[in-house]
């Protein structure tokens, strides 16, 4: 008797694919080249890039340009 292994096989294949990089505000602040790439993606197709990613890029740019704001420690 043959069993239906389709869903199980799909889970295995999905689990083998590398996860996309998690772009956070902090990771974008630390990687200016990636920040520029994300900003370009947001300018070209905001809907495809996504609101969360574009907001993270916006905040990362603000932090790089203006400093850390409240998170910044006085010297």
PDB file of N, CA and C in Angstrom:
ATOM      1  N   UNK A   1       0.836  -1.167   0.000  1.00  0.00           N
ATOM      2  CA  UNK A   1       0.000   0.000   0.000  1.00  0.00           C
ATOM      3  C   UNK A   1       0.895   1.249   0.000  1.00  0.00           C
ATOM      4  N   UNK A   2       0.563   2.195  -0.832  1.00  0.00           N
ATOM      5  CA  UNK A   2       1.364   3.411  -0.959  1.00  0.00           C
ATOM      6  C   UNK A   2       0.739   4.523  -0.126  1.00  0.00           C
ATOM      7  N   UNK A   3       1.560   5.197   0.683  1.00  0.00           N
ATOM      8  CA  UNK A   3       1.055   6.290   1.512  1.00  0.00           C
ATOM      9  C   UNK A   3       1.317   7.623   0.823  1.00  0.00           C
ATOM     10  N   UNK A   4       0.512   8.607   1.175  1.00  0.00           N
ATOM     11  CA  UNK A   4       0.658   9.958   0.628  1.00  0.00           C
ATOM     12  C   UNK A   4       1.689  10.703   1.479  1.00  0.00           C
ATOM     13  N   UNK A   5       2.885  10.905   0.967  1.00  0.00           N
ATOM     14  CA  UNK A   5       3.970  11.577   1.690  1.00  0.00           C
ATOM     15  C   UNK A   5       4.194  12.994   1.177  1.00  0.00           C
ATOM     16  N   UNK A   6       3.308  13.488   0.353  1.00  0.00           N
ATOM     17  CA  UNK A   6       3.471  14.815  -0.239  1.00  0.00           C
ATOM     18  C   UNK A   6       3.683  15.924   0.776  1.00  0.00           C
ATOM     19  N   UNK A   7       2.785  16.098   1.759  1.00  0.00           N
ATOM     20  CA  UNK A   7       2.974  17.187   2.729  1.00  0.00           C
ATOM     21  C   UNK A   7       4.270  17.047   3.525  1.00  0.00           C
ATOM     22  N   UNK A   8       4.611  15.827   3.894  1.00  0.00           N
ATOM     23  CA  UNK A   8       5.837  15.602   4.651  1.00  0.00           C
ATOM     24  C   UNK A   8       7.059  15.978   3.815  1.00  0.00           C
ATOM     25  N   UNK A   9       7.064  15.580   2.566  1.00  0.00           N
ATOM     26  CA  UNK A   9       8.173  15.900   1.668  1.00  0.00           C
ATOM     27  C   UNK A   9       8.292  17.406   1.475  1.00  0.00           C
ATOM     28  N   UNK A  10       7.163  18.097   1.360  1.00  0.00           N
ATOM     29  CA  UNK A  10       7.179  19.554   1.192  1.00  0.00           C
ATOM     30  C   UNK A  10       7.806  20.219   2.410  1.00  0.00           C
ATOM     31  N   UNK A  11       7.504  19.747   3.599  1.00  0.00           N
ATOM     32  CA  UNK A  11       8.092  20.318   4.815  1.00  0.00           C
ATOM     33  C   UNK A  11       9.601  20.124   4.845  1.00  0.00           C
ATOM     34  N   UNK A  12      10.047  18.968   4.418  1.00  0.00           N
ATOM     35  CA  UNK A  12      11.486  18.702   4.382  1.00  0.00           C
ATOM     36  C   UNK A  12      12.172  19.643   3.395  1.00  0.00           C
ATOM     37  N   UNK A  13      11.594  19.817   2.211  1.00  0.00           N
ATOM     38  CA  UNK A  13      12.199  20.675   1.205  1.00  0.00           C
ATOM     39  C   UNK A  13      12.208  22.134   1.645  1.00  0.00           C
ATOM     40  N   UNK A  14      11.146  22.586   2.265  1.00  0.00           N
ATOM     41  CA  UNK A  14      11.096  23.962   2.744  1.00  0.00           C
ATOM     42  C   UNK A  14      12.126  24.161   3.839  1.00  0.00           C
ATOM     43  N   UNK A  15      12.296  23.182   4.692  1.00  0.00           N
ATOM     44  CA  UNK A  15      13.265  23.277   5.778  1.00  0.00           C
ATOM     45  C   UNK A  15      14.705  23.309   5.294  1.00  0.00           C
ATOM     46  N   UNK A  16      14.966  22.855   4.085  1.00  0.00           N
ATOM     47  CA  UNK A  16      16.335  22.819   3.564  1.00  0.00           C
ATOM     48  C   UNK A  16      16.754  24.127   2.908  1.00  0.00           C
ATOM     49  N   UNK A  17      15.802  24.988   2.614  1.00  0.00           N
ATOM     50  CA  UNK A  17      16.137  26.240   1.961  1.00  0.00           C
ATOM     51  C   UNK A  17      16.704  27.213   2.985  1.00  0.00           C
ATOM     52  N   UNK A  18      17.741  27.952   2.600  1.00  0.00           N
ATOM     53  CA  UNK A  18      18.288  28.931   3.547  1.00  0.00           C
ATOM     54  C   UNK A  18      17.290  30.034   3.813  1.00  0.00           C
ATOM     55  N   UNK A  19      17.229  30.457   5.053  1.00  0.00           N
ATOM     56  CA  UNK A  19      16.310  31.533   5.433  1.00  0.00           C
ATOM     57  C   UNK A  19      16.852  32.853   4.897  1.00  0.00           C
ATOM     58  N   UNK A  20      15.968  33.747   4.469  1.00  0.00           N
ATOM     59  CA  UNK A  20      16.445  35.052   4.018  1.00  0.00           C
ATOM     60  C   UNK A  20      17.046  35.806   5.196  1.00  0.00           C
ATOM     61  N   UNK A  21      18.002  36.670   4.918  1.00  0.00           N
ATOM     62  CA  UNK A  21      18.626  37.401   6.021  1.00  0.00           C
ATOM     63  C   UNK A  21      17.591  38.255   6.740  1.00  0.00           C
ATOM     64  N   UNK A  22      17.693  38.269   8.052  1.00  0.00           N
ATOM     65  CA  UNK A  22      16.767  39.076   8.850  1.00  0.00           C
ATOM     66  C   UNK A  22      17.368  40.471   8.987  1.00  0.00           C
ATOM     67  N   UNK A  23      16.851  41.393   8.205  1.00  0.00           N
ATOM     68  CA  UNK A  23      17.345  42.766   8.248  1.00  0.00           C
ATOM     69  C   UNK A  23      16.649  43.504   9.379  1.00  0.00           C
ATOM     70  N   UNK A  24      17.420  43.836  10.393  1.00  0.00           N
ATOM     71  CA  UNK A  24      16.906  44.618  11.496  1.00  0.00           C
ATOM     72  C   UNK A  24      17.502  46.013  11.409  1.00  0.00           C
ATOM     73  N   UNK A  25      16.968  46.922  12.194  1.00  0.00           N
ATOM     74  CA  UNK A  25      17.530  48.271  12.228  1.00  0.00           C
ATOM     75  C   UNK A  25      19.008  48.196  12.578  1.00  0.00           C
ATOM     76  N   UNK A  26      19.326  47.406  13.607  1.00  0.00           N
ATOM     77  CA  UNK A  26      20.719  47.301  14.062  1.00  0.00           C
ATOM     78  C   UNK A  26      21.627  46.709  12.989  1.00  0.00           C
ATOM     79  N   UNK A  27      21.156  45.669  12.296  1.00  0.00           N
ATOM     80  CA  UNK A  27      22.000  45.057  11.260  1.00  0.00           C
ATOM     81  C   UNK A  27      22.205  46.010  10.090  1.00  0.00           C
ATOM     82  N   UNK A  28      21.190  46.810   9.768  1.00  0.00           N
ATOM     83  CA  UNK A  28      21.320  47.775   8.678  1.00  0.00           C
ATOM     84  C   UNK A  28      22.223  48.942   9.065  1.00  0.00           C
ATOM     85  N   UNK A  29      22.180  49.360  10.325  1.00  0.00           N
ATOM     86  CA  UNK A  29      23.086  50.413  10.797  1.00  0.00           C
ATOM     87  C   UNK A  29      24.529  49.933  10.678  1.00  0.00           C
ATOM     88  N   UNK A  30      24.753  48.666  10.990  1.00  0.00           N
ATOM     89  CA  UNK A  30      26.108  48.104  10.978  1.00  0.00           C
ATOM     90  C   UNK A  30      26.613  47.788   9.571  1.00  0.00           C
ATOM     91  N   UNK A  31      25.728  47.714   8.584  1.00  0.00           N
ATOM     92  CA  UNK A  31      26.115  47.326   7.220  1.00  0.00           C
ATOM     93  C   UNK A  31      25.598  48.354   6.212  1.00  0.00           C
ATOM     94  N   UNK A  32      26.361  49.440   6.004  1.00  0.00           N
ATOM     95  CA  UNK A  32      25.891  50.511   5.121  1.00  0.00           C
ATOM     96  C   UNK A  32      25.613  50.066   3.684  1.00  0.00           C
ATOM     97  N   UNK A  33      26.351  49.088   3.181  1.00  0.00           N
ATOM     98  CA  UNK A  33      26.101  48.609   1.816  1.00  0.00           C
ATOM     99  C   UNK A  33      24.735  47.933   1.729  1.00  0.00           C
ATOM    100  N   UNK A  34      24.413  47.116   2.727  1.00  0.00           N
ATOM    101  CA  UNK A  34      23.105  46.461   2.747  1.00  0.00           C
ATOM    102  C   UNK A  34      21.997  47.503   2.914  1.00  0.00           C
ATOM    103  N   UNK A  35      22.241  48.507   3.747  1.00  0.00           N
ATOM    104  CA  UNK A  35      21.269  49.582   3.941  1.00  0.00           C
ATOM    105  C   UNK A  35      20.973  50.276   2.612  1.00  0.00           C
ATOM    106  N   UNK A  36      21.996  50.580   1.843  1.00  0.00           N
ATOM    107  CA  UNK A  36      21.794  51.220   0.538  1.00  0.00           C
ATOM    108  C   UNK A  36      20.989  50.319  -0.400  1.00  0.00           C
ATOM    109  N   UNK A  37      21.277  49.023  -0.367  1.00  0.00           N
ATOM    110  CA  UNK A  37      20.560  48.074  -1.215  1.00  0.00           C
ATOM    111  C   UNK A  37      19.077  48.028  -0.830  1.00  0.00           C
ATOM    112  N   UNK A  38      18.789  47.983   0.460  1.00  0.00           N
ATOM    113  CA  UNK A  38      17.401  47.941   0.920  1.00  0.00           C
ATOM    114  C   UNK A  38      16.689  49.249   0.560  1.00  0.00           C
ATOM    115  N   UNK A  39      17.361  50.375   0.732  1.00  0.00           N
ATOM    116  CA  UNK A  39      16.762  51.657   0.363  1.00  0.00           C
ATOM    117  C   UNK A  39      16.434  51.682  -1.135  1.00  0.00           C
ATOM    118  N   UNK A  40      17.319  51.148  -1.954  1.00  0.00           N
ATOM    119  CA  UNK A  40      17.074  51.074  -3.400  1.00  0.00           C
ATOM    120  C   UNK A  40      15.851  50.212  -3.685  1.00  0.00           C
ATOM    121  N   UNK A  41      15.762  49.063  -3.024  1.00  0.00           N
ATOM    122  CA  UNK A  41      14.610  48.182  -3.213  1.00  0.00           C
ATOM    123  C   UNK A  41      13.308  48.887  -2.821  1.00  0.00           C
ATOM    124  N   UNK A  42      13.356  49.628  -1.727  1.00  0.00           N
ATOM    125  CA  UNK A  42      12.156  50.336  -1.256  1.00  0.00           C
ATOM    126  C   UNK A  42      11.745  51.433  -2.226  1.00  0.00           C
ATOM    127  N   UNK A  43      12.720  52.130  -2.807  1.00  0.00           N
ATOM    128  CA  UNK A  43      12.402  53.172  -3.795  1.00  0.00           C
ATOM    129  C   UNK A  43      11.791  52.563  -5.054  1.00  0.00           C
ATOM    130  N   UNK A  44      12.335  51.427  -5.488  1.00  0.00           N
ATOM    131  CA  UNK A  44      11.878  50.816  -6.738  1.00  0.00           C
ATOM    132  C   UNK A  44      10.509  50.152  -6.602  1.00  0.00           C
ATOM    133  N   UNK A  45      10.286  49.444  -5.495  1.00  0.00           N
ATOM    134  CA  UNK A  45       9.017  48.730  -5.332  1.00  0.00           C
ATOM    135  C   UNK A  45       8.724  48.544  -3.849  1.00  0.00           C
ATOM    136  N   UNK A  46       8.128  49.581  -3.267  1.00  0.00           N
ATOM    137  CA  UNK A  46       7.848  49.587  -1.828  1.00  0.00           C
ATOM    138  C   UNK A  46       6.975  48.394  -1.433  1.00  0.00           C
ATOM    139  N   UNK A  47       5.969  48.097  -2.218  1.00  0.00           N
ATOM    140  CA  UNK A  47       5.045  47.008  -1.886  1.00  0.00           C
ATOM    141  C   UNK A  47       5.768  45.662  -1.853  1.00  0.00           C
ATOM    142  N   UNK A  48       6.668  45.448  -2.789  1.00  0.00           N
ATOM    143  CA  UNK A  48       7.398  44.182  -2.840  1.00  0.00           C
ATOM    144  C   UNK A  48       8.414  44.088  -1.703  1.00  0.00           C
ATOM    145  N   UNK A  49       9.116  45.177  -1.408  1.00  0.00           N
ATOM    146  CA  UNK A  49      10.103  45.174  -0.329  1.00  0.00           C
ATOM    147  C   UNK A  49       9.416  45.005   1.017  1.00  0.00           C
ATOM    148  N   UNK A  50       8.289  45.639   1.180  1.00  0.00           N
ATOM    149  CA  UNK A  50       7.513  45.481   2.402  1.00  0.00           C
ATOM    150  C   UNK A  50       7.689  46.640   3.367  1.00  0.00           C
ATOM    151  N   UNK A  51       6.608  46.944   4.050  1.00  0.00           N
ATOM    152  CA  UNK A  51       6.589  48.068   4.984  1.00  0.00           C
ATOM    153  C   UNK A  51       7.574  47.880   6.133  1.00  0.00           C
ATOM    154  N   UNK A  52       7.654  46.668   6.676  1.00  0.00           N
ATOM    155  CA  UNK A  52       8.527  46.428   7.828  1.00  0.00           C
ATOM    156  C   UNK A  52       9.985  46.674   7.453  1.00  0.00           C
ATOM    157  N   UNK A  53      10.419  46.131   6.316  1.00  0.00           N
ATOM    158  CA  UNK A  53      11.805  46.296   5.882  1.00  0.00           C
ATOM    159  C   UNK A  53      12.107  47.757   5.555  1.00  0.00           C
ATOM    160  N   UNK A  54      11.198  48.424   4.869  1.00  0.00           N
ATOM    161  CA  UNK A  54      11.431  49.823   4.502  1.00  0.00           C
ATOM    162  C   UNK A  54      11.444  50.722   5.734  1.00  0.00           C
ATOM    163  N   UNK A  55      10.598  50.429   6.714  1.00  0.00           N
ATOM    164  CA  UNK A  55      10.633  51.195   7.961  1.00  0.00           C
ATOM    165  C   UNK A  55      11.939  50.963   8.711  1.00  0.00           C
ATOM    166  N   UNK A  56      12.434  49.726   8.702  1.00  0.00           N
ATOM    167  CA  UNK A  56      13.711  49.427   9.355  1.00  0.00           C
ATOM    168  C   UNK A  56      14.844  50.187   8.662  1.00  0.00           C
ATOM    169  N   UNK A  57      14.806  50.243   7.337  1.00  0.00           N
ATOM    170  CA  UNK A  57      15.837  50.969   6.592  1.00  0.00           C
ATOM    171  C   UNK A  57      15.762  52.460   6.880  1.00  0.00           C
ATOM    172  N   UNK A  58      14.565  52.981   6.980  1.00  0.00           N
ATOM    173  CA  UNK A  58      14.388  54.394   7.283  1.00  0.00           C
ATOM    174  C   UNK A  58      14.951  54.738   8.664  1.00  0.00           C
ATOM    175  N   UNK A  59      14.647  53.903   9.639  1.00  0.00           N
ATOM    176  CA  UNK A  59      15.150  54.126  11.000  1.00  0.00           C
ATOM    177  C   UNK A  59      16.670  53.954  11.050  1.00  0.00           C
ATOM    178  N   UNK A  60      17.196  52.974  10.324  1.00  0.00           N
ATOM    179  CA  UNK A  60      18.651  52.763  10.297  1.00  0.00           C
ATOM    180  C   UNK A  60      19.350  53.971   9.680  1.00  0.00           C
ATOM    181  N   UNK A  61      18.784  54.515   8.611  1.00  0.00           N
ATOM    182  CA  UNK A  61      19.358  55.699   7.982  1.00  0.00           C
ATOM    183  C   UNK A  61      19.331  56.874   8.959  1.00  0.00           C
ATOM    184  N   UNK A  62      18.204  57.045   9.639  1.00  0.00           N
ATOM    185  CA  UNK A  62      18.084  58.129  10.611  1.00  0.00           C
ATOM    186  C   UNK A  62      19.142  58.003  11.703  1.00  0.00           C
ATOM    187  N   UNK A  63      19.330  56.783  12.202  1.00  0.00           N
ATOM    188  CA  UNK A  63      20.328  56.573  13.264  1.00  0.00           C
ATOM    189  C   UNK A  63      21.742  56.840  12.767  1.00  0.00           C
ATOM    190  N   UNK A  64      22.040  56.427  11.536  1.00  0.00           N
ATOM    191  CA  UNK A  64      23.381  56.668  10.996  1.00  0.00           C
ATOM    192  C   UNK A  64      23.618  58.155  10.778  1.00  0.00           C
ATOM    193  N   UNK A  65      22.591  58.856  10.335  1.00  0.00           N
ATOM    194  CA  UNK A  65      22.722  60.275  10.022  1.00  0.00           C
ATOM    195  C   UNK A  65      22.677  61.146  11.278  1.00  0.00           C
ATOM    196  N   UNK A  66      21.732  60.858  12.166  1.00  0.00           N
ATOM    197  CA  UNK A  66      21.502  61.698  13.339  1.00  0.00           C
ATOM    198  C   UNK A  66      22.158  61.168  14.607  1.00  0.00           C
ATOM    199  N   UNK A  67      22.618  59.942  14.577  1.00  0.00           N
ATOM    200  CA  UNK A  67      23.134  59.332  15.797  1.00  0.00           C
ATOM    201  C   UNK A  67      22.054  58.481  16.434  1.00  0.00           C
ATOM    202  N   UNK A  68      22.377  57.882  17.548  1.00  0.00           N
ATOM    203  CA  UNK A  68      21.471  56.945  18.192  1.00  0.00           C
ATOM    204  C   UNK A  68      20.317  57.559  18.928  1.00  0.00           C
ATOM    205  N   UNK A  69      20.279  58.883  19.067  1.00  0.00           N
ATOM    206  CA  UNK A  69      19.176  59.518  19.777  1.00  0.00           C
ATOM    207  C   UNK A  69      19.185  59.152  21.246  1.00  0.00           C
ATOM    208  N   UNK A  70      18.079  58.680  21.769  1.00  0.00           N
ATOM    209  CA  UNK A  70      17.946  58.347  23.181  1.00  0.00           C
ATOM    210  C   UNK A  70      18.819  57.157  23.553  1.00  0.00           C
ATOM    211  N   UNK A  71      19.136  56.290  22.583  1.00  0.00           N
ATOM    212  CA  UNK A  71      19.962  55.124  22.864  1.00  0.00           C
ATOM    213  C   UNK A  71      21.435  55.468  23.029  1.00  0.00           C
ATOM    214  N   UNK A  72      21.818  56.643  22.574  1.00  0.00           N
ATOM    215  CA  UNK A  72      23.215  57.038  22.606  1.00  0.00           C
ATOM    216  C   UNK A  72      23.632  57.414  24.022  1.00  0.00           C
ATOM    217  N   UNK A  73      24.789  56.943  24.444  1.00  0.00           N
ATOM    218  CA  UNK A  73      25.276  57.266  25.781  1.00  0.00           C
ATOM    219  C   UNK A  73      26.194  58.481  25.717  1.00  0.00           C
ATOM    220  N   UNK A  74      26.035  59.403  26.647  1.00  0.00           N
ATOM    221  CA  UNK A  74      26.922  60.580  26.642  1.00  0.00           C
ATOM    222  C   UNK A  74      28.350  60.194  27.001  1.00  0.00           C
ATOM    223  N   UNK A  75      29.294  60.903  26.427  1.00  0.00           N
ATOM    224  CA  UNK A  75      30.712  60.603  26.688  1.00  0.00           C
ATOM    225  C   UNK A  75      31.245  61.442  27.814  1.00  0.00           C
TER     226      UNK A  75
END
